[in-house]
All heavy atoms as atom14 arrays in JSON, in Angstrom:
{
  "sequence": "GRQSRLTEDGRRLLEYARRMIRLNDETLAAFID",
  "atom14_mask": [
    [1, 1, 1, 1, 0, 0, 0, 0, 0, 0, 0, 0, 0, 0],
    [1, 1, 1, 1, 1, 1, 1, 1, 1, 1, 1, 0, 0, 0],
    [1, 1, 1, 1, 1, 1, 1, 1, 1, 0, 0, 0, 0, 0],
    [1, 1, 1, 1, 1, 1, 0, 0, 0, 0, 0, 0, 0, 0],
    [1, 1, 1, 1, 1, 1, 1, 1, 1, 1, 1, 0, 0, 0],
    [1, 1, 1, 1, 1, 1, 1, 1, 0, 0, 0, 0, 0, 0],
    [1, 1, 1, 1, 1, 1, 1, 0, 0, 0, 0, 0, 0, 0],
    [1, 1, 1, 1, 1, 1, 1, 1, 1, 0, 0, 0, 0, 0],
    [1, 1, 1, 1, 1, 1, 1, 1, 0, 0, 0, 0, 0, 0],
    [1, 1, 1, 1, 0, 0, 0, 0, 0, 0, 0, 0, 0, 0],
    [1, 1, 1, 1, 1, 1, 1, 1, 1, 1, 1, 0, 0, 0],
    [1, 1, 1, 1, 1, 1, 1, 1, 1, 1, 1, 0, 0, 0],
    [1, 1, 1, 1, 1, 1, 1, 1, 0, 0, 0, 0, 0, 0],
    [1, 1, 1, 1, 1, 1, 1, 1, 0, 0, 0, 0, 0, 0],
    [1, 1, 1, 1, 1, 1, 1, 1, 1, 0, 0, 0, 0, 0],
    [1, 1, 1, 1, 1, 1, 1, 1, 1, 1, 1, 1, 0, 0],
    [1, 1, 1, 1, 1, 0, 0, 0, 0, 0, 0, 0, 0, 0],
    [1, 1, 1, 1, 1, 1, 1, 1, 1, 1, 1, 0, 0, 0],
    [1, 1, 1, 1, 1, 1, 1, 1, 1, 1, 1, 0, 0, 0],
    [1, 1, 1, 1, 1, 1, 1, 1, 0, 0, 0, 0, 0, 0],
    [1, 1, 1, 1, 1, 1, 1, 1, 0, 0, 0, 0, 0, 0],
    [1, 1, 1, 1, 1, 1, 1, 1, 1, 1, 1, 0, 0, 0],
    [1, 1, 1, 1, 1, 1, 1, 1, 0, 0, 0, 0, 0, 0],
    [1, 1, 1, 1, 1, 1, 1, 1, 0, 0, 0, 0, 0, 0],
    [1, 1, 1, 1, 1, 1, 1, 1, 0, 0, 0, 0, 0, 0],
    [1, 1, 1, 1, 1, 1, 1, 1, 1, 0, 0, 0, 0, 0],
    [1, 1, 1, 1, 1, 1, 1, 0, 0, 0, 0, 0, 0, 0],
    [1, 1, 1, 1, 1, 1, 1, 1, 0, 0, 0, 0, 0, 0],
    [1, 1, 1, 1, 1, 0, 0, 0, 0, 0, 0, 0, 0, 0],
    [1, 1, 1, 1, 1, 0, 0, 0, 0, 0, 0, 0, 0, 0],
    [1, 1, 1, 1, 1, 1, 1, 1, 1, 1, 1, 0, 0, 0],
    [1, 1, 1, 1, 1, 1, 1, 1, 0, 0, 0, 0, 0, 0],
    [1, 1, 1, 1, 1, 1, 1, 1, 0, 0, 0, 0, 0, 0]
  ],
  "atom14_positions": [
    [[13.07, -14.42, -15.65], [14.5, -14.59, -15.67], [14.98, -14.45, -14.25], [14.56, -15.22, -13.39], [0.0, 0.0, 0.0], [0.0, 0.0, 0.0], [0.0, 0.0, 0.0], [0.0, 0.0, 0.0], [0.0, 0.0, 0.0], [0.0, 0.0, 0.0], [0.0, 0.0, 0.0], [0.0, 0.0, 0.0], [0.0, 0.0, 0.0], [0.0, 0.0, 0.0]],
    [[15.89, -13.55, -13.99], [16.48, -13.37, -12.73], [15.7, -12.26, -11.86], [16.07, -11.96, -10.72], [17.96, -12.89, -12.8], [18.85, -13.89, -13.44], [20.22, -13.6, -13.29], [20.61, -13.44, -11.91], [21.38, -12.49, -11.35], [21.86, -11.53, -12.14], [21.74, -12.54, -10.09], [0.0, 0.0, 0.0], [0.0, 0.0, 0.0], [0.0, 0.0, 0.0]],
    [[14.59, -11.83, -12.41], [13.7, -10.82, -11.62], [12.39, -11.4, -11.43], [11.86, -12.25, -12.11], [13.69, -9.55, -12.45], [15.05, -8.77, -12.51], [14.71, -7.42, -13.15], [14.06, -7.27, -14.08], [15.43, -6.49, -12.64], [0.0, 0.0, 0.0], [0.0, 0.0, 0.0], [0.0, 0.0, 0.0], [0.0, 0.0, 0.0], [0.0, 0.0, 0.0]],
    [[11.78, -10.88, -10.41], [10.34, -11.09, -10.07], [9.64, -9.84, -10.51], [10.13, -8.73, -10.25], [10.15, -11.41, -8.61], [10.71, -12.66, -8.3], [0.0, 0.0, 0.0], [0.0, 0.0, 0.0], [0.0, 0.0, 0.0], [0.0, 0.0, 0.0], [0.0, 0.0, 0.0], [0.0, 0.0, 0.0], [0.0, 0.0, 0.0], [0.0, 0.0, 0.0]],
    [[8.52, -10.0, -11.11], [7.68, -8.76, -11.56], [6.29, -8.87, -10.96], [5.83, -9.96, -10.66], [7.6, -8.79, -13.05], [8.87, -8.6, -13.77], [8.76, -8.88, -15.25], [7.88, -7.88, -15.8], [8.31, -6.65, -16.27], [9.59, -6.29, -16.28], [7.43, -5.83, -16.82], [0.0, 0.0, 0.0], [0.0, 0.0, 0.0], [0.0, 0.0, 0.0]],
    [[5.76, -7.68, -10.72], [4.36, -7.64, -10.25], [3.5, -8.09, -11.45], [3.58, -7.75, -12.54], [3.93, -6.27, -9.85], [4.67, -5.75, -8.53], [4.08, -4.36, -8.24], [4.53, -6.66, -7.39], [0.0, 0.0, 0.0], [0.0, 0.0, 0.0], [0.0, 0.0, 0.0], [0.0, 0.0, 0.0], [0.0, 0.0, 0.0], [0.0, 0.0, 0.0]],
    [[2.53, -8.92, -11.09], [1.49, -9.35, -12.01], [0.48, -8.19, -12.15], [0.61, -7.24, -11.43], [0.71, -10.52, -11.56], [0.05, -10.28, -10.35], [1.74, -11.72, -11.3], [0.0, 0.0, 0.0], [0.0, 0.0, 0.0], [0.0, 0.0, 0.0], [0.0, 0.0, 0.0], [0.0, 0.0, 0.0], [0.0, 0.0, 0.0], [0.0, 0.0, 0.0]],
    [[-0.52, -8.25, -13.08], [-1.58, -7.31, -13.24], [-2.28, -7.16, -11.78], [-2.61, -6.1, -11.46], [-2.42, -7.55, -14.32], [-1.92, -7.33, -15.74], [-1.43, -5.86, -15.9], [-2.21, -4.92, -15.42], [-0.41, -5.64, -16.38], [0.0, 0.0, 0.0], [0.0, 0.0, 0.0], [0.0, 0.0, 0.0], [0.0, 0.0, 0.0], [0.0, 0.0, 0.0]],
    [[-2.58, -8.29, -11.22], [-3.19, -8.26, -9.9], [-2.34, -7.64, -8.82], [-2.8, -7.0, -7.96], [-3.66, -9.68, -9.5], [-4.83, -10.25, -10.32], [-5.76, -9.42, -10.54], [-4.73, -11.31, -10.75], [0.0, 0.0, 0.0], [0.0, 0.0, 0.0], [0.0, 0.0, 0.0], [0.0, 0.0, 0.0], [0.0, 0.0, 0.0], [0.0, 0.0, 0.0]],
    [[-1.02, -7.88, -8.93], [-0.03, -7.28, -8.17], [-0.02, -5.69, -8.19], [0.04, -5.0, -7.24], [0.0, 0.0, 0.0], [0.0, 0.0, 0.0], [0.0, 0.0, 0.0], [0.0, 0.0, 0.0], [0.0, 0.0, 0.0], [0.0, 0.0, 0.0], [0.0, 0.0, 0.0], [0.0, 0.0, 0.0], [0.0, 0.0, 0.0], [0.0, 0.0, 0.0]],
    [[-0.18, -5.23, -9.39], [-0.26, -3.77, -9.75], [-1.5, -3.23, -9.11], [-1.48, -2.03, -8.58], [-0.16, -3.52, -11.2], [1.18, -3.79, -11.82], [1.16, -3.73, -13.38], [2.29, -4.13, -14.02], [3.23, -3.35, -14.51], [3.1, -2.01, -14.39], [4.34, -3.88, -15.12], [0.0, 0.0, 0.0], [0.0, 0.0, 0.0], [0.0, 0.0, 0.0]],
    [[-2.64, -3.88, -9.24], [-3.85, -3.4, -8.7], [-3.78, -3.4, -7.27], [-4.22, -2.42, -6.57], [-4.99, -4.3, -9.16], [-5.42, -4.26, -10.62], [-6.45, -5.27, -10.91], [-7.57, -5.21, -10.16], [-8.38, -6.16, -9.78], [-8.11, -7.4, -10.35], [-9.45, -5.95, -9.05], [0.0, 0.0, 0.0], [0.0, 0.0, 0.0], [0.0, 0.0, 0.0]],
    [[-3.16, -4.42, -6.63], [-3.13, -4.51, -5.18], [-2.21, -3.36, -4.64], [-2.38, -2.89, -3.55], [-2.47, -5.91, -4.76], [-2.27, -6.09, -3.23], [-3.55, -5.97, -2.4], [-1.52, -7.39, -2.93], [0.0, 0.0, 0.0], [0.0, 0.0, 0.0], [0.0, 0.0, 0.0], [0.0, 0.0, 0.0], [0.0, 0.0, 0.0], [0.0, 0.0, 0.0]],
    [[-1.12, -3.03, -5.42], [-0.17, -2.01, -4.97], [-0.93, -0.65, -4.72], [-0.73, 0.08, -3.82], [0.95, -1.84, -5.98], [1.96, -0.82, -5.58], [2.63, -1.04, -4.29], [3.07, -0.64, -6.75], [0.0, 0.0, 0.0], [0.0, 0.0, 0.0], [0.0, 0.0, 0.0], [0.0, 0.0, 0.0], [0.0, 0.0, 0.0], [0.0, 0.0, 0.0]],
    [[-1.86, -0.31, -5.63], [-2.59, 0.91, -5.56], [-3.42, 0.93, -4.27], [-3.48, 1.88, -3.56], [-3.5, 1.08, -6.74], [-4.33, 2.38, -6.78], [-5.19, 2.49, -7.91], [-4.96, 1.75, -8.98], [-6.08, 3.32, -7.9], [0.0, 0.0, 0.0], [0.0, 0.0, 0.0], [0.0, 0.0, 0.0], [0.0, 0.0, 0.0], [0.0, 0.0, 0.0]],
    [[-4.16, -0.15, -4.07], [-4.99, -0.36, -2.84], [-4.18, -0.3, -1.6], [-4.59, 0.31, -0.58], [-5.93, -1.61, -2.83], [-6.99, -1.49, -3.88], [-7.02, -2.31, -5.02], [-8.1, -0.67, -3.69], [-8.09, -2.28, -5.86], [-9.15, -0.6, -4.51], [-9.12, -1.42, -5.66], [-10.21, -1.31, -6.62], [0.0, 0.0, 0.0], [0.0, 0.0, 0.0]],
    [[-3.05, -1.02, -1.58], [-2.17, -1.06, -0.47], [-1.68, 0.29, 0.0], [-1.66, 0.67, 1.15], [-0.99, -2.05, -0.81], [0.0, 0.0, 0.0], [0.0, 0.0, 0.0], [0.0, 0.0, 0.0], [0.0, 0.0, 0.0], [0.0, 0.0, 0.0], [0.0, 0.0, 0.0], [0.0, 0.0, 0.0], [0.0, 0.0, 0.0], [0.0, 0.0, 0.0]],
    [[-1.25, 1.03, -0.97], [-0.76, 2.53, -0.57], [-1.97, 3.26, 0.0], [-1.62, 3.98, 0.95], [-0.24, 3.04, -1.89], [1.19, 2.61, -2.34], [1.57, 3.1, -3.66], [2.89, 2.81, -3.94], [3.41, 2.74, -5.19], [2.66, 2.94, -6.25], [4.66, 2.55, -5.28], [0.0, 0.0, 0.0], [0.0, 0.0, 0.0], [0.0, 0.0, 0.0]],
    [[-3.09, 3.2, -0.58], [-4.25, 3.88, -0.05], [-4.61, 3.39, 1.43], [-4.92, 4.26, 2.22], [-5.43, 3.7, -0.88], [-5.26, 4.54, -2.22], [-6.24, 4.06, -3.27], [-7.63, 4.14, -2.93], [-8.61, 3.64, -3.68], [-8.32, 3.01, -4.79], [-9.84, 3.75, -3.26], [0.0, 0.0, 0.0], [0.0, 0.0, 0.0], [0.0, 0.0, 0.0]],
    [[-4.54, 2.11, 1.59], [-4.82, 1.6, 2.95], [-3.87, 2.06, 3.94], [-4.24, 2.37, 5.16], [-5.05, 0.12, 2.88], [-6.2, -0.47, 2.14], [-6.28, -2.2, 1.97], [-6.53, -2.56, 3.66], [0.0, 0.0, 0.0], [0.0, 0.0, 0.0], [0.0, 0.0, 0.0], [0.0, 0.0, 0.0], [0.0, 0.0, 0.0], [0.0, 0.0, 0.0]],
    [[-2.55, 2.02, 3.63], [-1.5, 2.3, 4.53], [-1.61, 3.86, 4.88], [-1.44, 4.24, 6.02], [-0.13, 1.86, 4.08], [0.01, 0.46, 3.87], [0.98, 2.61, 4.88], [1.2, -0.03, 3.11], [0.0, 0.0, 0.0], [0.0, 0.0, 0.0], [0.0, 0.0, 0.0], [0.0, 0.0, 0.0], [0.0, 0.0, 0.0], [0.0, 0.0, 0.0]],
    [[-1.75, 4.62, 3.86], [-1.89, 6.06, 4.11], [-3.05, 6.47, 4.94], [-2.96, 7.25, 5.9], [-2.0, 6.81, 2.75], [-2.06, 8.22, 2.84], [-1.99, 9.0, 1.51], [-3.01, 8.57, 0.65], [-2.82, 7.86, -0.46], [-1.7, 7.41, -0.77], [-3.87, 7.56, -1.3], [0.0, 0.0, 0.0], [0.0, 0.0, 0.0], [0.0, 0.0, 0.0]],
    [[-4.22, 5.8, 4.79], [-5.31, 6.14, 5.61], [-5.14, 5.68, 7.08], [-5.41, 6.32, 7.99], [-6.64, 5.4, 5.1], [-7.87, 5.59, 5.84], [-8.25, 7.1, 5.92], [-9.04, 4.81, 5.27], [0.0, 0.0, 0.0], [0.0, 0.0, 0.0], [0.0, 0.0, 0.0], [0.0, 0.0, 0.0], [0.0, 0.0, 0.0], [0.0, 0.0, 0.0]],
    [[-4.44, 4.48, 7.17], [-4.14, 3.93, 8.58], [-3.21, 4.89, 9.3], [-3.43, 5.3, 10.48], [-3.5, 2.6, 8.45], [-3.04, 2.05, 9.82], [-3.86, 1.54, 10.53], [-1.72, 2.21, 10.08], [0.0, 0.0, 0.0], [0.0, 0.0, 0.0], [0.0, 0.0, 0.0], [0.0, 0.0, 0.0], [0.0, 0.0, 0.0], [0.0, 0.0, 0.0]],
    [[-2.2, 5.43, 8.63], [-1.22, 6.29, 9.26], [-1.84, 7.65, 9.49], [-1.58, 8.26, 10.54], [0.0, 6.47, 8.27], [0.76, 5.18, 8.12], [0.63, 4.24, 8.94], [1.67, 5.15, 7.12], [0.0, 0.0, 0.0], [0.0, 0.0, 0.0], [0.0, 0.0, 0.0], [0.0, 0.0, 0.0], [0.0, 0.0, 0.0], [0.0, 0.0, 0.0]],
    [[-2.7, 8.12, 8.63], [-3.37, 9.41, 8.9], [-4.29, 9.36, 10.15], [-4.37, 10.21, 10.97], [-4.11, 9.81, 7.6], [-3.21, 10.24, 6.49], [-4.04, 10.62, 5.33], [-5.32, 10.46, 5.35], [-3.43, 11.02, 4.3], [0.0, 0.0, 0.0], [0.0, 0.0, 0.0], [0.0, 0.0, 0.0], [0.0, 0.0, 0.0], [0.0, 0.0, 0.0]],
    [[-4.93, 8.22, 10.19], [-5.88, 7.99, 11.33], [-5.08, 7.91, 12.68], [-5.49, 8.6, 13.62], [-6.63, 6.64, 11.2], [-7.4, 6.72, 9.97], [-7.61, 6.39, 12.25], [0.0, 0.0, 0.0], [0.0, 0.0, 0.0], [0.0, 0.0, 0.0], [0.0, 0.0, 0.0], [0.0, 0.0, 0.0], [0.0, 0.0, 0.0], [0.0, 0.0, 0.0]],
    [[-4.03, 7.18, 12.72], [-3.16, 7.05, 13.98], [-2.67, 8.43, 14.27], [-2.5, 8.79, 15.44], [-2.19, 6.02, 13.77], [-2.51, 4.62, 13.78], [-1.42, 3.62, 13.53], [-3.36, 4.22, 14.99], [0.0, 0.0, 0.0], [0.0, 0.0, 0.0], [0.0, 0.0, 0.0], [0.0, 0.0, 0.0], [0.0, 0.0, 0.0], [0.0, 0.0, 0.0]],
    [[-2.18, 9.15, 13.24], [-1.51, 10.45, 13.48], [-2.46, 11.46, 14.14], [-2.04, 12.38, 14.85], [-0.9, 11.03, 12.2], [0.0, 0.0, 0.0], [0.0, 0.0, 0.0], [0.0, 0.0, 0.0], [0.0, 0.0, 0.0], [0.0, 0.0, 0.0], [0.0, 0.0, 0.0], [0.0, 0.0, 0.0], [0.0, 0.0, 0.0], [0.0, 0.0, 0.0]],
    [[-3.72, 11.23, 13.83], [-4.68, 12.16, 14.42], [-4.98, 11.98, 15.88], [-5.53, 12.82, 16.61], [-6.04, 12.04, 13.67], [0.0, 0.0, 0.0], [0.0, 0.0, 0.0], [0.0, 0.0, 0.0], [0.0, 0.0, 0.0], [0.0, 0.0, 0.0], [0.0, 0.0, 0.0], [0.0, 0.0, 0.0], [0.0, 0.0, 0.0], [0.0, 0.0, 0.0]],
    [[-4.46, 10.72, 16.44], [-4.76, 10.51, 17.87], [-3.45, 10.25, 18.66], [-3.68, 10.19, 19.92], [-5.6, 9.25, 17.89], [-7.04, 9.34, 17.35], [-7.27, 9.0, 16.01], [-8.02, 9.95, 18.16], [-8.52, 9.2, 15.47], [-9.26, 10.08, 17.59], [-9.52, 9.76, 16.31], [0.0, 0.0, 0.0], [0.0, 0.0, 0.0], [0.0, 0.0, 0.0]],
    [[-2.42, 10.19, 18.16], [-1.22, 10.06, 18.87], [-0.2, 11.06, 18.63], [-0.11, 11.75, 17.58], [-0.6, 8.6, 18.74], [-0.23, 8.45, 17.27], [-1.56, 7.51, 19.1], [0.55, 7.17, 17.01], [0.0, 0.0, 0.0], [0.0, 0.0, 0.0], [0.0, 0.0, 0.0], [0.0, 0.0, 0.0], [0.0, 0.0, 0.0], [0.0, 0.0, 0.0]],
    [[0.76, 11.31, 19.54], [1.86, 12.28, 19.38], [2.82, 11.61, 18.38], [3.12, 10.46, 18.46], [2.5, 12.61, 20.63], [1.6, 13.37, 21.6], [0.73, 13.99, 21.11], [1.79, 13.17, 22.8], [0.0, 0.0, 0.0], [0.0, 0.0, 0.0], [0.0, 0.0, 0.0], [0.0, 0.0, 0.0], [0.0, 0.0, 0.0], [0.0, 0.0, 0.0]]
  ]
}
């Protein structure tokens, strides 16, 4: 309709994306102020 929804693959990707971003941010935070 007037909305876009995440597909099942989109939902799976969202879980992985959050984990990748969190790990990236934690890694950088360990080496920079």
